[in-house]
PDB file of N, CA and C in Angstrom:
ATOM      1  N   MET A   1       0.849  -1.193   0.000  1.00  0.00           N
ATOM      2  CA  MET A   1       0.000   0.000   0.000  1.00  0.00           C
ATOM      3  C   MET A   1       0.885   1.243   0.000  1.00  0.00           C
ATOM      4  N   GLU A   2       0.502   2.201  -0.790  1.00  0.00           N
ATOM      5  CA  GLU A   2       1.276   3.439  -0.901  1.00  0.00           C
ATOM      6  C   GLU A   2       1.242   4.205   0.419  1.00  0.00           C
ATOM      7  N   ASP A   3       2.355   4.802   0.762  1.00  0.00           N
ATOM      8  CA  ASP A   3       2.439   5.592   1.990  1.00  0.00           C
ATOM      9  C   ASP A   3       1.414   6.716   1.958  1.00  0.00           C
ATOM     10  N   ILE A   4       0.650   6.836   3.031  1.00  0.00           N
ATOM     11  CA  ILE A   4      -0.458   7.809   3.088  1.00  0.00           C
ATOM     12  C   ILE A   4       0.028   9.248   2.885  1.00  0.00           C
ATOM     13  N   ASP A   5       1.257   9.548   3.314  1.00  0.00           N
ATOM     14  CA  ASP A   5       1.782  10.902   3.155  1.00  0.00           C
ATOM     15  C   ASP A   5       2.032  11.256   1.689  1.00  0.00           C
ATOM     16  N   ASN A   6       2.166  10.252   0.829  1.00  0.00           N
ATOM     17  CA  ASN A   6       2.453  10.495  -0.578  1.00  0.00           C
ATOM     18  C   ASN A   6       1.201  10.570  -1.436  1.00  0.00           C
ATOM     19  N   LEU A   7       0.052  10.278  -0.866  1.00  0.00           N
ATOM     20  CA  LEU A   7      -1.195  10.321  -1.625  1.00  0.00           C
ATOM     21  C   LEU A   7      -1.749  11.744  -1.672  1.00  0.00           C
ATOM     22  N   LEU A   8      -2.398  12.064  -2.778  1.00  0.00           N
ATOM     23  CA  LEU A   8      -3.114  13.331  -2.884  1.00  0.00           C
ATOM     24  C   LEU A   8      -4.571  13.037  -2.568  1.00  0.00           C
ATOM     25  N   LEU A   9      -4.963  13.325  -1.341  1.00  0.00           N
ATOM     26  CA  LEU A   9      -6.308  13.035  -0.889  1.00  0.00           C
ATOM     27  C   LEU A   9      -7.121  14.317  -0.809  1.00  0.00           C
ATOM     28  N   PRO A  10      -8.419  14.219  -1.127  1.00  0.00           N
ATOM     29  CA  PRO A  10      -9.255  15.407  -0.941  1.00  0.00           C
ATOM     30  C   PRO A  10      -9.334  15.743   0.543  1.00  0.00           C
ATOM     31  N   GLU A  11      -9.321  17.016   0.840  1.00  0.00           N
ATOM     32  CA  GLU A  11      -9.355  17.464   2.235  1.00  0.00           C
ATOM     33  C   GLU A  11     -10.498  18.441   2.431  1.00  0.00           C
ATOM     34  N   ILE A  12     -10.983  18.453   3.671  1.00  0.00           N
ATOM     35  CA  ILE A  12     -12.018  19.405   4.059  1.00  0.00           C
ATOM     36  C   ILE A  12     -11.668  19.932   5.441  1.00  0.00           C
ATOM     37  N   ASN A  13     -11.870  21.210   5.653  1.00  0.00           N
ATOM     38  CA  ASN A  13     -11.651  21.835   6.952  1.00  0.00           C
ATOM     39  C   ASN A  13     -13.007  22.269   7.486  1.00  0.00           C
ATOM     40  N   LEU A  14     -13.369  21.740   8.650  1.00  0.00           N
ATOM     41  CA  LEU A  14     -14.644  22.058   9.275  1.00  0.00           C
ATOM     42  C   LEU A  14     -14.380  22.901  10.509  1.00  0.00           C
ATOM     43  N   GLU A  15     -15.168  23.947  10.684  1.00  0.00           N
ATOM     44  CA  GLU A  15     -14.962  24.819  11.838  1.00  0.00           C
ATOM     45  C   GLU A  15     -16.304  25.235  12.429  1.00  0.00           C
ATOM     46  N   THR A  16     -16.393  25.120  13.756  1.00  0.00           N
ATOM     47  CA  THR A  16     -17.531  25.637  14.507  1.00  0.00           C
ATOM     48  C   THR A  16     -16.965  26.603  15.543  1.00  0.00           C
ATOM     49  N   ASP A  17     -17.801  27.098  16.433  1.00  0.00           N
ATOM     50  CA  ASP A  17     -17.313  27.967  17.503  1.00  0.00           C
ATOM     51  C   ASP A  17     -16.368  27.221  18.440  1.00  0.00           C
ATOM     52  N   ASP A  18     -16.522  25.897  18.547  1.00  0.00           N
ATOM     53  CA  ASP A  18     -15.766  25.110  19.514  1.00  0.00           C
ATOM     54  C   ASP A  18     -14.666  24.232  18.928  1.00  0.00           C
ATOM     55  N   ILE A  19     -14.769  23.879  17.660  1.00  0.00           N
ATOM     56  CA  ILE A  19     -13.867  22.867  17.091  1.00  0.00           C
ATOM     57  C   ILE A  19     -13.425  23.277  15.695  1.00  0.00           C
ATOM     58  N   ILE A  20     -12.152  23.020  15.410  1.00  0.00           N
ATOM     59  CA  ILE A  20     -11.641  23.072  14.041  1.00  0.00           C
ATOM     60  C   ILE A  20     -11.134  21.671  13.734  1.00  0.00           C
ATOM     61  N   MET A  21     -11.626  21.090  12.647  1.00  0.00           N
ATOM     62  CA  MET A  21     -11.255  19.731  12.286  1.00  0.00           C
ATOM     63  C   MET A  21     -10.782  19.701  10.840  1.00  0.00           C
ATOM     64  N   ASN A  22      -9.599  19.171  10.610  1.00  0.00           N
ATOM     65  CA  ASN A  22      -9.063  18.993   9.266  1.00  0.00           C
ATOM     66  C   ASN A  22      -9.162  17.514   8.927  1.00  0.00           C
ATOM     67  N   ILE A  23      -9.815  17.200   7.815  1.00  0.00           N
ATOM     68  CA  ILE A  23     -10.080  15.815   7.445  1.00  0.00           C
ATOM     69  C   ILE A  23      -9.524  15.544   6.052  1.00  0.00           C
ATOM     70  N   ALA A  24      -8.766  14.465   5.925  1.00  0.00           N
ATOM     71  CA  ALA A  24      -8.353  13.959   4.621  1.00  0.00           C
ATOM     72  C   ALA A  24      -9.182  12.706   4.365  1.00  0.00           C
ATOM     73  N   VAL A  25      -9.828  12.643   3.230  1.00  0.00           N
ATOM     74  CA  VAL A  25     -10.758  11.565   2.922  1.00  0.00           C
ATOM     75  C   VAL A  25     -10.066  10.507   2.067  1.00  0.00           C
ATOM     76  N   LYS A  26      -9.983   9.292   2.607  1.00  0.00           N
ATOM     77  CA  LYS A  26      -9.331   8.187   1.903  1.00  0.00           C
ATOM     78  C   LYS A  26     -10.295   7.409   1.017  1.00  0.00           C
ATOM     79  N   LYS A  27     -11.558   7.376   1.380  1.00  0.00           N
ATOM     80  CA  LYS A  27     -12.547   6.598   0.630  1.00  0.00           C
ATOM     81  C   LYS A  27     -12.860   7.283  -0.691  1.00  0.00           C
ATOM     82  N   ASP A  28     -13.008   6.474  -1.740  1.00  0.00           N
ATOM     83  CA  ASP A  28     -13.364   6.988  -3.061  1.00  0.00           C
ATOM     84  C   ASP A  28     -14.887   6.963  -3.202  1.00  0.00           C
ATOM     85  N   TYR A  29     -15.495   8.112  -3.129  1.00  0.00           N
ATOM     86  CA  TYR A  29     -16.952   8.219  -3.218  1.00  0.00           C
ATOM     87  C   TYR A  29     -17.423   8.379  -4.667  1.00  0.00           C
ATOM     88  N   SER A  30     -16.522   8.345  -5.614  1.00  0.00           N
ATOM     89  CA  SER A  30     -16.900   8.594  -7.009  1.00  0.00           C
ATOM     90  C   SER A  30     -17.781   7.497  -7.595  1.00  0.00           C
ATOM     91  N   GLN A  31     -17.819   6.330  -6.966  1.00  0.00           N
ATOM     92  CA  GLN A  31     -18.652   5.245  -7.463  1.00  0.00           C
ATOM     93  C   GLN A  31     -20.137   5.504  -7.203  1.00  0.00           C
ATOM     94  N   ILE A  32     -20.442   6.444  -6.323  1.00  0.00           N
ATOM     95  CA  ILE A  32     -21.836   6.792  -6.021  1.00  0.00           C
ATOM     96  C   ILE A  32     -22.205   7.962  -6.929  1.00  0.00           C
ATOM     97  N   GLU A  33     -22.995   7.683  -7.944  1.00  0.00           N
ATOM     98  CA  GLU A  33     -23.287   8.696  -8.958  1.00  0.00           C
ATOM     99  C   GLU A  33     -24.209   9.800  -8.461  1.00  0.00           C
ATOM    100  N   ASP A  34     -25.201   9.455  -7.662  1.00  0.00           N
ATOM    101  CA  ASP A  34     -26.159  10.442  -7.169  1.00  0.00           C
ATOM    102  C   ASP A  34     -25.506  11.298  -6.086  1.00  0.00           C
ATOM    103  N   LEU A  35     -25.482  12.592  -6.301  1.00  0.00           N
ATOM    104  CA  LEU A  35     -24.810  13.512  -5.385  1.00  0.00           C
ATOM    105  C   LEU A  35     -25.405  13.453  -3.985  1.00  0.00           C
ATOM    106  N   ALA A  36     -26.728  13.400  -3.874  1.00  0.00           N
ATOM    107  CA  ALA A  36     -27.375  13.342  -2.560  1.00  0.00           C
ATOM    108  C   ALA A  36     -26.996  12.059  -1.828  1.00  0.00           C
ATOM    109  N   GLU A  37     -26.938  10.950  -2.552  1.00  0.00           N
ATOM    110  CA  GLU A  37     -26.550   9.668  -1.947  1.00  0.00           C
ATOM    111  C   GLU A  37     -25.078   9.675  -1.542  1.00  0.00           C
ATOM    112  N   ARG A  38     -24.237  10.301  -2.374  1.00  0.00           N
ATOM    113  CA  ARG A  38     -22.806  10.411  -2.066  1.00  0.00           C
ATOM    114  C   ARG A  38     -22.611  11.207  -0.783  1.00  0.00           C
ATOM    115  N   LYS A  39     -23.334  12.315  -0.670  1.00  0.00           N
ATOM    116  CA  LYS A  39     -23.254  13.147   0.532  1.00  0.00           C
ATOM    117  C   LYS A  39     -23.734  12.369   1.753  1.00  0.00           C
ATOM    118  N   LYS A  40     -24.841  11.652   1.614  1.00  0.00           N
ATOM    119  CA  LYS A  40     -25.385  10.845   2.710  1.00  0.00           C
ATOM    120  C   LYS A  40     -24.377   9.795   3.168  1.00  0.00           C
ATOM    121  N   GLU A  41     -23.727   9.141   2.228  1.00  0.00           N
ATOM    122  CA  GLU A  41     -22.714   8.126   2.554  1.00  0.00           C
ATOM    123  C   GLU A  41     -21.542   8.751   3.305  1.00  0.00           C
ATOM    124  N   PHE A  42     -21.081   9.916   2.850  1.00  0.00           N
ATOM    125  CA  PHE A  42     -19.979  10.599   3.515  1.00  0.00           C
ATOM    126  C   PHE A  42     -20.362  10.991   4.941  1.00  0.00           C
ATOM    127  N   ILE A  43     -21.546  11.563   5.115  1.00  0.00           N
ATOM    128  CA  ILE A  43     -21.992  11.976   6.450  1.00  0.00           C
ATOM    129  C   ILE A  43     -22.117  10.760   7.362  1.00  0.00           C
ATOM    130  N   ASN A  44     -22.649   9.663   6.857  1.00  0.00           N
ATOM    131  CA  ASN A  44     -22.739   8.438   7.663  1.00  0.00           C
ATOM    132  C   ASN A  44     -21.357   7.933   8.059  1.00  0.00           C
ATOM    133  N   ASP A  45     -20.415   7.969   7.122  1.00  0.00           N
ATOM    134  CA  ASP A  45     -19.046   7.541   7.431  1.00  0.00           C
ATOM    135  C   ASP A  45     -18.412   8.465   8.470  1.00  0.00           C
ATOM    136  N   LEU A  46     -18.671   9.748   8.368  1.00  0.00           N
ATOM    137  CA  LEU A  46     -18.138  10.717   9.321  1.00  0.00           C
ATOM    138  C   LEU A  46     -18.706  10.465  10.718  1.00  0.00           C
ATOM    139  N   LYS A  47     -20.006  10.225  10.807  1.00  0.00           N
ATOM    140  CA  LYS A  47     -20.632   9.914  12.092  1.00  0.00           C
ATOM    141  C   LYS A  47     -20.050   8.632  12.691  1.00  0.00           C
ATOM    142  N   GLU A  48     -19.859   7.618  11.857  1.00  0.00           N
ATOM    143  CA  GLU A  48     -19.286   6.358  12.315  1.00  0.00           C
ATOM    144  C   GLU A  48     -17.856   6.563  12.822  1.00  0.00           C
ATOM    145  N   PHE A  49     -17.095   7.368  12.118  1.00  0.00           N
ATOM    146  CA  PHE A  49     -15.728   7.670  12.522  1.00  0.00           C
ATOM    147  C   PHE A  49     -15.707   8.323  13.902  1.00  0.00           C
ATOM    148  N   ILE A  50     -16.585   9.282  14.122  1.00  0.00           N
ATOM    149  CA  ILE A  50     -16.641   9.986  15.404  1.00  0.00           C
ATOM    150  C   ILE A  50     -17.056   9.033  16.514  1.00  0.00           C
ATOM    151  N   GLU A  51     -18.048   8.187  16.245  1.00  0.00           N
ATOM    152  CA  GLU A  51     -18.475   7.196  17.240  1.00  0.00           C
ATOM    153  C   GLU A  51     -17.331   6.247  17.599  1.00  0.00           C
ATOM    154  N   GLU A  52     -16.613   5.780  16.594  1.00  0.00           N
ATOM    155  CA  GLU A  52     -15.478   4.878  16.839  1.00  0.00           C
ATOM    156  C   GLU A  52     -14.388   5.585  17.645  1.00  0.00           C
ATOM    157  N   PHE A  53     -14.102   6.833  17.300  1.00  0.00           N
ATOM    158  CA  PHE A  53     -13.094   7.589  18.028  1.00  0.00           C
ATOM    159  C   PHE A  53     -13.481   7.734  19.494  1.00  0.00           C
ATOM    160  N   GLY A  54     -14.758   7.932  19.756  1.00  0.00           N
ATOM    161  CA  GLY A  54     -15.241   8.083  21.120  1.00  0.00           C
ATOM    162  C   GLY A  54     -15.011   6.857  21.987  1.00  0.00           C
ATOM    163  N   GLN A  55     -14.781   5.716  21.368  1.00  0.00           N
ATOM    164  CA  GLN A  55     -14.566   4.467  22.092  1.00  0.00           C
ATOM    165  C   GLN A  55     -13.075   4.141  22.270  1.00  0.00           C
ATOM    166  N   THR A  56     -12.195   5.006  21.811  1.00  0.00           N
ATOM    167  CA  THR A  56     -10.764   4.710  21.838  1.00  0.00           C
ATOM    168  C   THR A  56     -10.067   5.297  23.060  1.00  0.00           C
ATOM    169  N   GLN A  57      -8.929   4.732  23.361  1.00  0.00           N
ATOM    170  CA  GLN A  57      -8.074   5.263  24.417  1.00  0.00           C
ATOM    171  C   GLN A  57      -7.587   6.667  24.052  1.00  0.00           C
ATOM    172  N   GLU A  58      -7.367   6.897  22.771  1.00  0.00           N
ATOM    173  CA  GLU A  58      -6.898   8.202  22.320  1.00  0.00           C
ATOM    174  C   GLU A  58      -7.888   9.311  22.680  1.00  0.00           C
ATOM    175  N   SER A  59      -9.186   9.012  22.622  1.00  0.00           N
ATOM    176  CA  SER A  59     -10.168  10.041  22.964  1.00  0.00           C
ATOM    177  C   SER A  59     -10.095  10.390  24.451  1.00  0.00           C
ATOM    178  N   LEU A  60      -9.840   9.388  25.294  1.00  0.00           N
ATOM    179  CA  LEU A  60      -9.664   9.664  26.720  1.00  0.00           C
ATOM    180  C   LEU A  60      -8.404  10.473  26.970  1.00  0.00           C
ATOM    181  N   GLU A  61      -7.330  10.090  26.315  1.00  0.00           N
ATOM    182  CA  GLU A  61      -6.071  10.815  26.465  1.00  0.00           C
ATOM    183  C   GLU A  61      -6.219  12.261  25.979  1.00  0.00           C
ATOM    184  N   PHE A  62      -6.966  12.437  24.919  1.00  0.00           N
ATOM    185  CA  PHE A  62      -7.194  13.773  24.390  1.00  0.00           C
ATOM    186  C   PHE A  62      -7.937  14.642  25.411  1.00  0.00           C
ATOM    187  N   MET A  63      -8.935  14.093  26.055  1.00  0.00           N
ATOM    188  CA  MET A  63      -9.704  14.837  27.051  1.00  0.00           C
ATOM    189  C   MET A  63      -8.896  15.101  28.310  1.00  0.00           C
ATOM    190  N   GLU A  64      -7.883  14.298  28.588  1.00  0.00           N
ATOM    191  CA  GLU A  64      -7.013  14.541  29.739  1.00  0.00           C
ATOM    192  C   GLU A  64      -6.236  15.836  29.610  1.00  0.00           C
ATOM    193  N   TYR A  65      -6.172  16.380  28.402  1.00  0.00           N
ATOM    194  CA  TYR A  65      -5.522  17.667  28.184  1.00  0.00           C
ATOM    195  C   TYR A  65      -6.122  18.730  29.099  1.00  0.00           C
ATOM    196  N   TYR A  66      -7.416  18.610  29.387  1.00  0.00           N
ATOM    197  CA  TYR A  66      -8.131  19.623  30.170  1.00  0.00           C
ATOM    198  C   TYR A  66      -8.060  19.395  31.667  1.00  0.00           C
ATOM    199  N   ASP A  67      -7.354  18.362  32.100  1.00  0.00           N
ATOM    200  CA  ASP A  67      -7.191  18.109  33.541  1.00  0.00           C
ATOM    201  C   ASP A  67      -6.290  19.140  34.187  1.00  0.00           C
TER     202      ASP A  67
END
């Protein structure tokens, strides 16, 4: 597998009042022709990613920053 640092991946920067998140997208959504369905798939994947992150040790360590 090609080194992730050498890939040209689409990126998105999301910002709210509380969070700035920079995301590089590895999944190829081009196979989903319908734009609304493609967006729905991406949002579902993003939600799943956040849920999975919430279950990791890294998320606990990250919150320890505020101790």
